[in-house]
Amino acid sequence: CLFNYLFLKMKIKFIGAAREVTGSKHLITTETGKKILLDCGMFQGKGMETDAMNCNLGFDPATLDHIILTHAHIDHSGLIPCLQAWVQGLCYMYQCHPRSLFNYAGR
């Protein structure tokens, strides 16, 4: 279960949207080596520099175990189609109500 990862030690690499408002990408690596990408957003509004920023993902997509999308704005989801060349196997999509996280945690 993906929620089991929440209780492990983890490292977070801030790839995008650090000191920026676009390009949200955060790579979480758990103590067991699982790699979870939180968002894969597109940079916007920097003119010619924007293309170069969007071409460099900042991680190896082939190593991802999961992708979590917080919401569907382009600055959080815009580069997900670029990952399709590295995705192997099935892709599952879930939608859950925010309160379900509190129910899971026993609150």
PDB file of N, CA and C in Angstrom:
ATOM      1  N   CYS A   1       0.852  -1.190   0.000  1.00  0.00           N
ATOM      2  CA  CYS A   1       0.000   0.000   0.000  1.00  0.00           C
ATOM      3  C   CYS A   1       0.889   1.242   0.000  1.00  0.00           C
ATOM      4  N   LEU A   2       0.558   2.200  -0.821  1.00  0.00           N
ATOM      5  CA  LEU A   2       1.331   3.429  -0.935  1.00  0.00           C
ATOM      6  C   LEU A   2       1.412   4.176   0.388  1.00  0.00           C
ATOM      7  N   PHE A   3       0.355   4.129   1.203  1.00  0.00           N
ATOM      8  CA  PHE A   3       0.357   4.871   2.458  1.00  0.00           C
ATOM      9  C   PHE A   3       1.334   4.297   3.477  1.00  0.00           C
ATOM     10  N   ASN A   4       1.769   3.048   3.308  1.00  0.00           N
ATOM     11  CA  ASN A   4       2.772   2.486   4.204  1.00  0.00           C
ATOM     12  C   ASN A   4       4.090   3.245   4.106  1.00  0.00           C
ATOM     13  N   TYR A   5       4.366   3.857   2.951  1.00  0.00           N
ATOM     14  CA  TYR A   5       5.591   4.626   2.774  1.00  0.00           C
ATOM     15  C   TYR A   5       5.615   5.873   3.648  1.00  0.00           C
ATOM     16  N   LEU A   6       4.456   6.353   4.054  1.00  0.00           N
ATOM     17  CA  LEU A   6       4.388   7.581   4.829  1.00  0.00           C
ATOM     18  C   LEU A   6       5.040   7.447   6.198  1.00  0.00           C
ATOM     19  N   PHE A   7       5.215   6.237   6.677  1.00  0.00           N
ATOM     20  CA  PHE A   7       5.740   6.031   8.012  1.00  0.00           C
ATOM     21  C   PHE A   7       7.205   5.610   8.016  1.00  0.00           C
ATOM     22  N   LEU A   8       7.861   5.713   6.882  1.00  0.00           N
ATOM     23  CA  LEU A   8       9.276   5.385   6.769  1.00  0.00           C
ATOM     24  C   LEU A   8      10.095   6.673   6.748  1.00  0.00           C
ATOM     25  N   LYS A   9      11.383   6.552   7.066  1.00  0.00           N
ATOM     26  CA  LYS A   9      12.278   7.691   6.888  1.00  0.00           C
ATOM     27  C   LYS A   9      12.411   7.937   5.398  1.00  0.00           C
ATOM     28  N   MET A  10      12.558   9.194   5.026  1.00  0.00           N
ATOM     29  CA  MET A  10      12.662   9.497   3.605  1.00  0.00           C
ATOM     30  C   MET A  10      13.521  10.725   3.368  1.00  0.00           C
ATOM     31  N   LYS A  11      14.013  10.815   2.137  1.00  0.00           N
ATOM     32  CA  LYS A  11      14.753  11.990   1.682  1.00  0.00           C
ATOM     33  C   LYS A  11      13.900  12.667   0.635  1.00  0.00           C
ATOM     34  N   ILE A  12      13.895  13.993   0.636  1.00  0.00           N
ATOM     35  CA  ILE A  12      13.129  14.748  -0.348  1.00  0.00           C
ATOM     36  C   ILE A  12      14.084  15.637  -1.130  1.00  0.00           C
ATOM     37  N   LYS A  13      14.029  15.513  -2.454  1.00  0.00           N
ATOM     38  CA  LYS A  13      14.821  16.360  -3.349  1.00  0.00           C
ATOM     39  C   LYS A  13      13.854  17.329  -4.016  1.00  0.00           C
ATOM     40  N   PHE A  14      14.049  18.610  -3.792  1.00  0.00           N
ATOM     41  CA  PHE A  14      13.201  19.638  -4.391  1.00  0.00           C
ATOM     42  C   PHE A  14      13.776  19.987  -5.762  1.00  0.00           C
ATOM     43  N   ILE A  15      13.095  19.540  -6.813  1.00  0.00           N
ATOM     44  CA  ILE A  15      13.603  19.699  -8.170  1.00  0.00           C
ATOM     45  C   ILE A  15      13.023  20.945  -8.838  1.00  0.00           C
ATOM     46  N   GLY A  16      11.784  21.217  -8.583  1.00  0.00           N
ATOM     47  CA  GLY A  16      11.127  22.390  -9.151  1.00  0.00           C
ATOM     48  C   GLY A  16      10.309  23.081  -8.089  1.00  0.00           C
ATOM     49  N   ALA A  17       9.873  24.285  -8.408  1.00  0.00           N
ATOM     50  CA  ALA A  17       9.053  25.095  -7.510  1.00  0.00           C
ATOM     51  C   ALA A  17       9.764  25.400  -6.191  1.00  0.00           C
ATOM     52  N   ALA A  18      11.079  25.341  -6.191  1.00  0.00           N
ATOM     53  CA  ALA A  18      11.856  25.780  -5.037  1.00  0.00           C
ATOM     54  C   ALA A  18      12.327  27.193  -5.365  1.00  0.00           C
ATOM     55  N   ARG A  19      11.832  28.137  -4.627  1.00  0.00           N
ATOM     56  CA  ARG A  19      12.054  29.567  -4.906  1.00  0.00           C
ATOM     57  C   ARG A  19      11.420  29.972  -6.241  1.00  0.00           C
ATOM     58  N   GLU A  20      10.451  29.200  -6.689  1.00  0.00           N
ATOM     59  CA  GLU A  20       9.710  29.452  -7.928  1.00  0.00           C
ATOM     60  C   GLU A  20       8.233  29.211  -7.646  1.00  0.00           C
ATOM     61  N   VAL A  21       7.391  29.604  -8.576  1.00  0.00           N
ATOM     62  CA  VAL A  21       5.966  29.296  -8.429  1.00  0.00           C
ATOM     63  C   VAL A  21       5.483  28.323  -9.490  1.00  0.00           C
ATOM     64  N   THR A  22       6.368  27.877 -10.375  1.00  0.00           N
ATOM     65  CA  THR A  22       5.981  26.899 -11.396  1.00  0.00           C
ATOM     66  C   THR A  22       6.972  25.748 -11.398  1.00  0.00           C
ATOM     67  N   GLY A  23       6.601  24.662 -12.073  1.00  0.00           N
ATOM     68  CA  GLY A  23       7.504  23.525 -12.221  1.00  0.00           C
ATOM     69  C   GLY A  23       7.601  22.638 -10.999  1.00  0.00           C
ATOM     70  N   SER A  24       6.507  22.440 -10.304  1.00  0.00           N
ATOM     71  CA  SER A  24       6.512  21.651  -9.074  1.00  0.00           C
ATOM     72  C   SER A  24       6.933  20.199  -9.339  1.00  0.00           C
ATOM     73  N   LYS A  25       8.069  19.795  -8.745  1.00  0.00           N
ATOM     74  CA  LYS A  25       8.567  18.412  -8.816  1.00  0.00           C
ATOM     75  C   LYS A  25       9.343  18.146  -7.544  1.00  0.00           C
ATOM     76  N   HIS A  26       8.969  17.083  -6.831  1.00  0.00           N
ATOM     77  CA  HIS A  26       9.658  16.724  -5.594  1.00  0.00           C
ATOM     78  C   HIS A  26       9.861  15.208  -5.606  1.00  0.00           C
ATOM     79  N   LEU A  27      11.104  14.776  -5.508  1.00  0.00           N
ATOM     80  CA  LEU A  27      11.424  13.359  -5.530  1.00  0.00           C
ATOM     81  C   LEU A  27      11.644  12.863  -4.107  1.00  0.00           C
ATOM     82  N   ILE A  28      10.826  11.911  -3.700  1.00  0.00           N
ATOM     83  CA  ILE A  28      10.913  11.319  -2.365  1.00  0.00           C
ATOM     84  C   ILE A  28      11.542   9.940  -2.508  1.00  0.00           C
ATOM     85  N   THR A  29      12.593   9.687  -1.738  1.00  0.00           N
ATOM     86  CA  THR A  29      13.232   8.370  -1.714  1.00  0.00           C
ATOM     87  C   THR A  29      13.098   7.829  -0.298  1.00  0.00           C
ATOM     88  N   THR A  30      12.452   6.672  -0.170  1.00  0.00           N
ATOM     89  CA  THR A  30      12.237   6.082   1.152  1.00  0.00           C
ATOM     90  C   THR A  30      13.478   5.314   1.590  1.00  0.00           C
ATOM     91  N   GLU A  31      13.500   4.928   2.858  1.00  0.00           N
ATOM     92  CA  GLU A  31      14.639   4.174   3.370  1.00  0.00           C
ATOM     93  C   GLU A  31      14.756   2.798   2.736  1.00  0.00           C
ATOM     94  N   THR A  32      13.684   2.319   2.109  1.00  0.00           N
ATOM     95  CA  THR A  32      13.736   1.028   1.413  1.00  0.00           C
ATOM     96  C   THR A  32      14.107   1.188  -0.059  1.00  0.00           C
ATOM     97  N   GLY A  33      14.352   2.429  -0.502  1.00  0.00           N
ATOM     98  CA  GLY A  33      14.785   2.668  -1.873  1.00  0.00           C
ATOM     99  C   GLY A  33      13.675   2.973  -2.863  1.00  0.00           C
ATOM    100  N   LYS A  34      12.434   2.980  -2.421  1.00  0.00           N
ATOM    101  CA  LYS A  34      11.326   3.336  -3.311  1.00  0.00           C
ATOM    102  C   LYS A  34      11.430   4.811  -3.675  1.00  0.00           C
ATOM    103  N   LYS A  35      11.132   5.124  -4.937  1.00  0.00           N
ATOM    104  CA  LYS A  35      11.178   6.511  -5.399  1.00  0.00           C
ATOM    105  C   LYS A  35       9.775   6.950  -5.794  1.00  0.00           C
ATOM    106  N   ILE A  36       9.337   8.024  -5.169  1.00  0.00           N
ATOM    107  CA  ILE A  36       7.998   8.563  -5.389  1.00  0.00           C
ATOM    108  C   ILE A  36       8.148   9.998  -5.862  1.00  0.00           C
ATOM    109  N   LEU A  37       7.582  10.301  -7.010  1.00  0.00           N
ATOM    110  CA  LEU A  37       7.610  11.659  -7.524  1.00  0.00           C
ATOM    111  C   LEU A  37       6.313  12.350  -7.138  1.00  0.00           C
ATOM    112  N   LEU A  38       6.425  13.454  -6.436  1.00  0.00           N
ATOM    113  CA  LEU A  38       5.270  14.251  -6.069  1.00  0.00           C
ATOM    114  C   LEU A  38       5.172  15.390  -7.079  1.00  0.00           C
ATOM    115  N   ASP A  39       4.215  15.273  -7.986  1.00  0.00           N
ATOM    116  CA  ASP A  39       3.987  16.222  -9.079  1.00  0.00           C
ATOM    117  C   ASP A  39       5.099  16.155 -10.123  1.00  0.00           C
ATOM    118  N   CYS A  40       4.780  16.580 -11.327  1.00  0.00           N
ATOM    119  CA  CYS A  40       5.758  16.666 -12.413  1.00  0.00           C
ATOM    120  C   CYS A  40       5.345  17.844 -13.285  1.00  0.00           C
ATOM    121  N   GLY A  41       5.511  19.028 -12.721  1.00  0.00           N
ATOM    122  CA  GLY A  41       4.979  20.239 -13.336  1.00  0.00           C
ATOM    123  C   GLY A  41       5.894  20.883 -14.355  1.00  0.00           C
ATOM    124  N   MET A  42       5.266  21.690 -15.179  1.00  0.00           N
ATOM    125  CA  MET A  42       5.944  22.403 -16.252  1.00  0.00           C
ATOM    126  C   MET A  42       6.302  23.814 -15.783  1.00  0.00           C
ATOM    127  N   PHE A  43       7.532  24.234 -16.090  1.00  0.00           N
ATOM    128  CA  PHE A  43       7.919  25.618 -15.842  1.00  0.00           C
ATOM    129  C   PHE A  43       7.242  26.506 -16.879  1.00  0.00           C
ATOM    130  N   GLN A  44       6.913  27.717 -16.487  1.00  0.00           N
ATOM    131  CA  GLN A  44       6.252  28.661 -17.394  1.00  0.00           C
ATOM    132  C   GLN A  44       6.789  30.067 -17.161  1.00  0.00           C
ATOM    133  N   GLY A  45       6.697  30.891 -18.199  1.00  0.00           N
ATOM    134  CA  GLY A  45       6.892  32.333 -18.058  1.00  0.00           C
ATOM    135  C   GLY A  45       8.304  32.853 -17.999  1.00  0.00           C
ATOM    136  N   LYS A  46       9.299  32.086 -18.418  1.00  0.00           N
ATOM    137  CA  LYS A  46      10.678  32.567 -18.368  1.00  0.00           C
ATOM    138  C   LYS A  46      11.276  32.727 -19.764  1.00  0.00           C
ATOM    139  N   GLY A  47      10.426  32.872 -20.757  1.00  0.00           N
ATOM    140  CA  GLY A  47      10.912  33.068 -22.111  1.00  0.00           C
ATOM    141  C   GLY A  47      11.694  31.879 -22.633  1.00  0.00           C
ATOM    142  N   MET A  48      12.826  32.148 -23.299  1.00  0.00           N
ATOM    143  CA  MET A  48      13.655  31.097 -23.905  1.00  0.00           C
ATOM    144  C   MET A  48      14.206  30.121 -22.864  1.00  0.00           C
ATOM    145  N   GLU A  49      14.404  30.583 -21.654  1.00  0.00           N
ATOM    146  CA  GLU A  49      14.949  29.746 -20.581  1.00  0.00           C
ATOM    147  C   GLU A  49      13.975  28.626 -20.187  1.00  0.00           C
ATOM    148  N   THR A  50      12.679  28.856 -20.418  1.00  0.00           N
ATOM    149  CA  THR A  50      11.648  27.894 -20.011  1.00  0.00           C
ATOM    150  C   THR A  50      11.824  26.538 -20.692  1.00  0.00           C
ATOM    151  N   ASP A  51      12.113  26.527 -21.988  1.00  0.00           N
ATOM    152  CA  ASP A  51      12.283  25.259 -22.708  1.00  0.00           C
ATOM    153  C   ASP A  51      13.405  24.420 -22.120  1.00  0.00           C
ATOM    154  N   ALA A  52      14.539  25.044 -21.835  1.00  0.00           N
ATOM    155  CA  ALA A  52      15.674  24.310 -21.267  1.00  0.00           C
ATOM    156  C   ALA A  52      15.320  23.762 -19.890  1.00  0.00           C
ATOM    157  N   MET A  53      14.598  24.537 -19.100  1.00  0.00           N
ATOM    158  CA  MET A  53      14.216  24.091 -17.758  1.00  0.00           C
ATOM    159  C   MET A  53      13.273  22.890 -17.837  1.00  0.00           C
ATOM    160  N   ASN A  54      12.375  22.867 -18.824  1.00  0.00           N
ATOM    161  CA  ASN A  54      11.426  21.764 -18.959  1.00  0.00           C
ATOM    162  C   ASN A  54      12.053  20.514 -19.565  1.00  0.00           C
ATOM    163  N   CYS A  55      13.144  20.665 -20.320  1.00  0.00           N
ATOM    164  CA  CYS A  55      13.812  19.505 -20.919  1.00  0.00           C
ATOM    165  C   CYS A  55      14.634  18.722 -19.904  1.00  0.00           C
ATOM    166  N   ASN A  56      15.077  19.364 -18.845  1.00  0.00           N
ATOM    167  CA  ASN A  56      15.865  18.705 -17.808  1.00  0.00           C
ATOM    168  C   ASN A  56      14.934  18.320 -16.661  1.00  0.00           C
ATOM    169  N   LEU A  57      14.568  17.042 -16.592  1.00  0.00           N
ATOM    170  CA  LEU A  57      13.644  16.594 -15.543  1.00  0.00           C
ATOM    171  C   LEU A  57      14.275  16.624 -14.157  1.00  0.00           C
ATOM    172  N   GLY A  58      15.585  16.430 -14.063  1.00  0.00           N
ATOM    173  CA  GLY A  58      16.243  16.453 -12.770  1.00  0.00           C
ATOM    174  C   GLY A  58      16.259  15.107 -12.049  1.00  0.00           C
ATOM    175  N   PHE A  59      15.812  14.052 -12.729  1.00  0.00           N
ATOM    176  CA  PHE A  59      15.803  12.703 -12.165  1.00  0.00           C
ATOM    177  C   PHE A  59      15.700  11.726 -13.323  1.00  0.00           C
ATOM    178  N   ASP A  60      15.955  10.458 -13.041  1.00  0.00           N
ATOM    179  CA  ASP A  60      15.844   9.411 -14.050  1.00  0.00           C
ATOM    180  C   ASP A  60      14.445   8.801 -13.958  1.00  0.00           C
ATOM    181  N   PRO A  61      13.576   9.063 -14.930  1.00  0.00           N
ATOM    182  CA  PRO A  61      12.201   8.558 -14.869  1.00  0.00           C
ATOM    183  C   PRO A  61      12.105   7.038 -14.780  1.00  0.00           C
ATOM    184  N   ALA A  62      13.083   6.336 -15.287  1.00  0.00           N
ATOM    185  CA  ALA A  62      13.046   4.869 -15.269  1.00  0.00           C
ATOM    186  C   ALA A  62      13.152   4.307 -13.857  1.00  0.00           C
ATOM    187  N   THR A  63      13.584   5.129 -12.903  1.00  0.00           N
ATOM    188  CA  THR A  63      13.761   4.641 -11.532  1.00  0.00           C
ATOM    189  C   THR A  63      12.538   4.884 -10.649  1.00  0.00           C
ATOM    190  N   LEU A  64      11.495   5.532 -11.176  1.00  0.00           N
ATOM    191  CA  LEU A  64      10.321   5.868 -10.364  1.00  0.00           C
ATOM    192  C   LEU A  64       9.468   4.644 -10.061  1.00  0.00           C
ATOM    193  N   ASP A  65       8.983   4.577  -8.837  1.00  0.00           N
ATOM    194  CA  ASP A  65       8.042   3.532  -8.442  1.00  0.00           C
ATOM    195  C   ASP A  65       6.607   4.040  -8.463  1.00  0.00           C
ATOM    196  N   HIS A  66       6.425   5.305  -8.120  1.00  0.00           N
ATOM    197  CA  HIS A  66       5.090   5.902  -8.069  1.00  0.00           C
ATOM    198  C   HIS A  66       5.172   7.382  -8.419  1.00  0.00           C
ATOM    199  N   ILE A  67       4.058   7.897  -8.927  1.00  0.00           N
ATOM    200  CA  ILE A  67       3.898   9.337  -9.121  1.00  0.00           C
ATOM    201  C   ILE A  67       2.613   9.730  -8.412  1.00  0.00           C
ATOM    202  N   ILE A  68       2.696  10.765  -7.596  1.00  0.00           N
ATOM    203  CA  ILE A  68       1.508  11.300  -6.937  1.00  0.00           C
ATOM    204  C   ILE A  68       1.266  12.700  -7.486  1.00  0.00           C
ATOM    205  N   LEU A  69       0.072  12.923  -7.955  1.00  0.00           N
ATOM    206  CA  LEU A  69      -0.311  14.228  -8.483  1.00  0.00           C
ATOM    207  C   LEU A  69      -1.219  14.905  -7.470  1.00  0.00           C
ATOM    208  N   THR A  70      -0.807  16.089  -7.003  1.00  0.00           N
ATOM    209  CA  THR A  70      -1.603  16.796  -6.000  1.00  0.00           C
ATOM    210  C   THR A  70      -2.848  17.425  -6.598  1.00  0.00           C
ATOM    211  N   HIS A  71      -2.711  17.982  -7.797  1.00  0.00           N
ATOM    212  CA  HIS A  71      -3.855  18.527  -8.529  1.00  0.00           C
ATOM    213  C   HIS A  71      -3.429  18.767  -9.975  1.00  0.00           C
ATOM    214  N   ALA A  72      -4.400  19.017 -10.842  1.00  0.00           N
ATOM    215  CA  ALA A  72      -4.154  18.964 -12.285  1.00  0.00           C
ATOM    216  C   ALA A  72      -3.781  20.292 -12.944  1.00  0.00           C
ATOM    217  N   HIS A  73      -3.282  21.258 -12.197  1.00  0.00           N
ATOM    218  CA  HIS A  73      -2.787  22.474 -12.846  1.00  0.00           C
ATOM    219  C   HIS A  73      -1.509  22.142 -13.614  1.00  0.00           C
ATOM    220  N   ILE A  74      -1.283  22.840 -14.726  1.00  0.00           N
ATOM    221  CA  ILE A  74      -0.153  22.525 -15.611  1.00  0.00           C
ATOM    222  C   ILE A  74       1.198  22.666 -14.905  1.00  0.00           C
ATOM    223  N   ASP A  75       1.291  23.558 -13.915  1.00  0.00           N
ATOM    224  CA  ASP A  75       2.556  23.714 -13.195  1.00  0.00           C
ATOM    225  C   ASP A  75       2.801  22.571 -12.203  1.00  0.00           C
ATOM    226  N   HIS A  76       1.842  21.639 -12.087  1.00  0.00           N
ATOM    227  CA  HIS A  76       2.005  20.445 -11.265  1.00  0.00           C
ATOM    228  C   HIS A  76       1.935  19.158 -12.085  1.00  0.00           C
ATOM    229  N   SER A  77       1.358  19.233 -13.295  1.00  0.00           N
ATOM    230  CA  SER A  77       1.130  18.017 -14.090  1.00  0.00           C
ATOM    231  C   SER A  77       1.655  18.089 -15.520  1.00  0.00           C
ATOM    232  N   GLY A  78       2.118  19.218 -15.967  1.00  0.00           N
ATOM    233  CA  GLY A  78       2.425  19.451 -17.376  1.00  0.00           C
ATOM    234  C   GLY A  78       3.468  18.560 -18.010  1.00  0.00           C
ATOM    235  N   LEU A  79       4.401  18.021 -17.227  1.00  0.00           N
ATOM    236  CA  LEU A  79       5.454  17.180 -17.805  1.00  0.00           C
ATOM    237  C   LEU A  79       5.188  15.685 -17.642  1.00  0.00           C
ATOM    238  N   ILE A  80       4.066  15.317 -17.072  1.00  0.00           N
ATOM    239  CA  ILE A  80       3.737  13.892 -16.934  1.00  0.00           C
ATOM    240  C   ILE A  80       3.717  13.182 -18.294  1.00  0.00           C
ATOM    241  N   PRO A  81       3.182  13.797 -19.358  1.00  0.00           N
ATOM    242  CA  PRO A  81       3.230  13.115 -20.675  1.00  0.00           C
ATOM    243  C   PRO A  81       4.660  12.816 -21.144  1.00  0.00           C
ATOM    244  N   CYS A  82       5.634  13.584 -20.710  1.00  0.00           N
ATOM    245  CA  CYS A  82       7.026  13.329 -21.097  1.00  0.00           C
ATOM    246  C   CYS A  82       7.571  12.045 -20.482  1.00  0.00           C
ATOM    247  N   LEU A  83       6.926  11.551 -19.438  1.00  0.00           N
ATOM    248  CA  LEU A  83       7.394  10.345 -18.757  1.00  0.00           C
ATOM    249  C   LEU A  83       6.947   9.062 -19.450  1.00  0.00           C
ATOM    250  N   GLN A  84       6.013   9.147 -20.388  1.00  0.00           N
ATOM    251  CA  GLN A  84       5.421   7.939 -20.974  1.00  0.00           C
ATOM    252  C   GLN A  84       6.437   7.041 -21.661  1.00  0.00           C
ATOM    253  N   ALA A  85       7.516   7.575 -22.171  1.00  0.00           N
ATOM    254  CA  ALA A  85       8.530   6.748 -22.834  1.00  0.00           C
ATOM    255  C   ALA A  85       9.243   5.818 -21.854  1.00  0.00           C
ATOM    256  N   TRP A  86       9.225   6.173 -20.558  1.00  0.00           N
ATOM    257  CA  TRP A  86       9.928   5.362 -19.553  1.00  0.00           C
ATOM    258  C   TRP A  86       8.992   4.484 -18.747  1.00  0.00           C
ATOM    259  N   VAL A  87       7.694   4.697 -18.857  1.00  0.00           N
ATOM    260  CA  VAL A  87       6.749   3.932 -18.036  1.00  0.00           C
ATOM    261  C   VAL A  87       6.632   2.517 -18.575  1.00  0.00           C
ATOM    262  N   GLN A  88       6.799   1.546 -17.703  1.00  0.00           N
ATOM    263  CA  GLN A  88       6.657   0.140 -18.056  1.00  0.00           C
ATOM    264  C   GLN A  88       5.469  -0.409 -17.275  1.00  0.00           C
ATOM    265  N   GLY A  89       4.630  -1.157 -17.918  1.00  0.00           N
ATOM    266  CA  GLY A  89       3.509  -1.780 -17.211  1.00  0.00           C
ATOM    267  C   GLY A  89       2.282  -0.893 -17.160  1.00  0.00           C
ATOM    268  N   LEU A  90       1.436  -1.179 -16.197  1.00  0.00           N
ATOM    269  CA  LEU A  90       0.156  -0.513 -16.081  1.00  0.00           C
ATOM    270  C   LEU A  90       0.259   0.780 -15.292  1.00  0.00           C
ATOM    271  N   CYS A  91      -0.669   1.660 -15.561  1.00  0.00           N
ATOM    272  CA  CYS A  91      -0.764   2.915 -14.839  1.00  0.00           C
ATOM    273  C   CYS A  91      -2.124   2.953 -14.154  1.00  0.00           C
ATOM    274  N   TYR A  92      -2.130   3.123 -12.849  1.00  0.00           N
ATOM    275  CA  TYR A  92      -3.369   3.197 -12.098  1.00  0.00           C
ATOM    276  C   TYR A  92      -3.595   4.629 -11.649  1.00  0.00           C
ATOM    277  N   MET A  93      -4.821   5.074 -11.751  1.00  0.00           N
ATOM    278  CA  MET A  93      -5.168   6.423 -11.307  1.00  0.00           C
ATOM    279  C   MET A  93      -6.284   6.317 -10.288  1.00  0.00           C
ATOM    280  N   TYR A  94      -6.113   7.034  -9.191  1.00  0.00           N
ATOM    281  CA  TYR A  94      -7.105   7.022  -8.128  1.00  0.00           C
ATOM    282  C   TYR A  94      -7.489   8.451  -7.785  1.00  0.00           C
ATOM    283  N   GLN A  95      -8.710   8.614  -7.395  1.00  0.00           N
ATOM    284  CA  GLN A  95      -9.159   9.892  -6.871  1.00  0.00           C
ATOM    285  C   GLN A  95      -9.737   9.609  -5.497  1.00  0.00           C
ATOM    286  N   CYS A  96      -9.288  10.352  -4.519  1.00  0.00           N
ATOM    287  CA  CYS A  96      -9.830  10.129  -3.185  1.00  0.00           C
ATOM    288  C   CYS A  96     -10.204  11.464  -2.557  1.00  0.00           C
ATOM    289  N   HIS A  97     -11.126  11.403  -1.657  1.00  0.00           N
ATOM    290  CA  HIS A  97     -11.551  12.590  -0.930  1.00  0.00           C
ATOM    291  C   HIS A  97     -10.474  12.919   0.098  1.00  0.00           C
ATOM    292  N   PRO A  98     -10.143  14.206   0.290  1.00  0.00           N
ATOM    293  CA  PRO A  98      -9.087  14.561   1.254  1.00  0.00           C
ATOM    294  C   PRO A  98      -9.311  13.986   2.650  1.00  0.00           C
ATOM    295  N   ARG A  99     -10.541  13.827   3.056  1.00  0.00           N
ATOM    296  CA  ARG A  99     -10.810  13.295   4.398  1.00  0.00           C
ATOM    297  C   ARG A  99     -10.401  11.829   4.527  1.00  0.00           C
ATOM    298  N   SER A 100     -10.249  11.117   3.408  1.00  0.00           N
ATOM    299  CA  SER A 100      -9.864   9.715   3.491  1.00  0.00           C
ATOM    300  C   SER A 100      -8.488   9.543   4.111  1.00  0.00           C
ATOM    301  N   LEU A 101      -7.608  10.529   3.956  1.00  0.00           N
ATOM    302  CA  LEU A 101      -6.286  10.460   4.596  1.00  0.00           C
ATOM    303  C   LEU A 101      -6.428  10.510   6.108  1.00  0.00           C
ATOM    304  N   PHE A 102      -7.341  11.337   6.600  1.00  0.00           N
ATOM    305  CA  PHE A 102      -7.548  11.415   8.043  1.00  0.00           C
ATOM    306  C   PHE A 102      -8.162  10.127   8.566  1.00  0.00           C
ATOM    307  N   ASN A 103      -9.065   9.526   7.813  1.00  0.00           N
ATOM    308  CA  ASN A 103      -9.663   8.263   8.219  1.00  0.00           C
ATOM    309  C   ASN A 103      -8.604   7.162   8.268  1.00  0.00           C
ATOM    310  N   TYR A 104      -7.678   7.171   7.302  1.00  0.00           N
ATOM    311  CA  TYR A 104      -6.627   6.154   7.262  1.00  0.00           C
ATOM    312  C   TYR A 104      -5.725   6.274   8.492  1.00  0.00           C
ATOM    313  N   ALA A 105      -5.443   7.520   8.868  1.00  0.00           N
ATOM    314  CA  ALA A 105      -4.523   7.757   9.983  1.00  0.00           C
ATOM    315  C   ALA A 105      -5.214   7.556  11.334  1.00  0.00           C
ATOM    316  N   GLY A 106      -6.484   7.170  11.329  1.00  0.00           N
ATOM    317  CA  GLY A 106      -7.191   6.896  12.577  1.00  0.00           C
ATOM    318  C   GLY A 106      -7.698   8.130  13.277  1.00  0.00           C
ATOM    319  N   ARG A 107      -7.866   9.215  12.535  1.00  0.00           N
ATOM    320  CA  ARG A 107      -8.376  10.448  13.133  1.00  0.00           C
ATOM    321  C   ARG A 107      -9.857  10.584  12.929  1.00  0.00           C
TER     322      ARG A 107
END
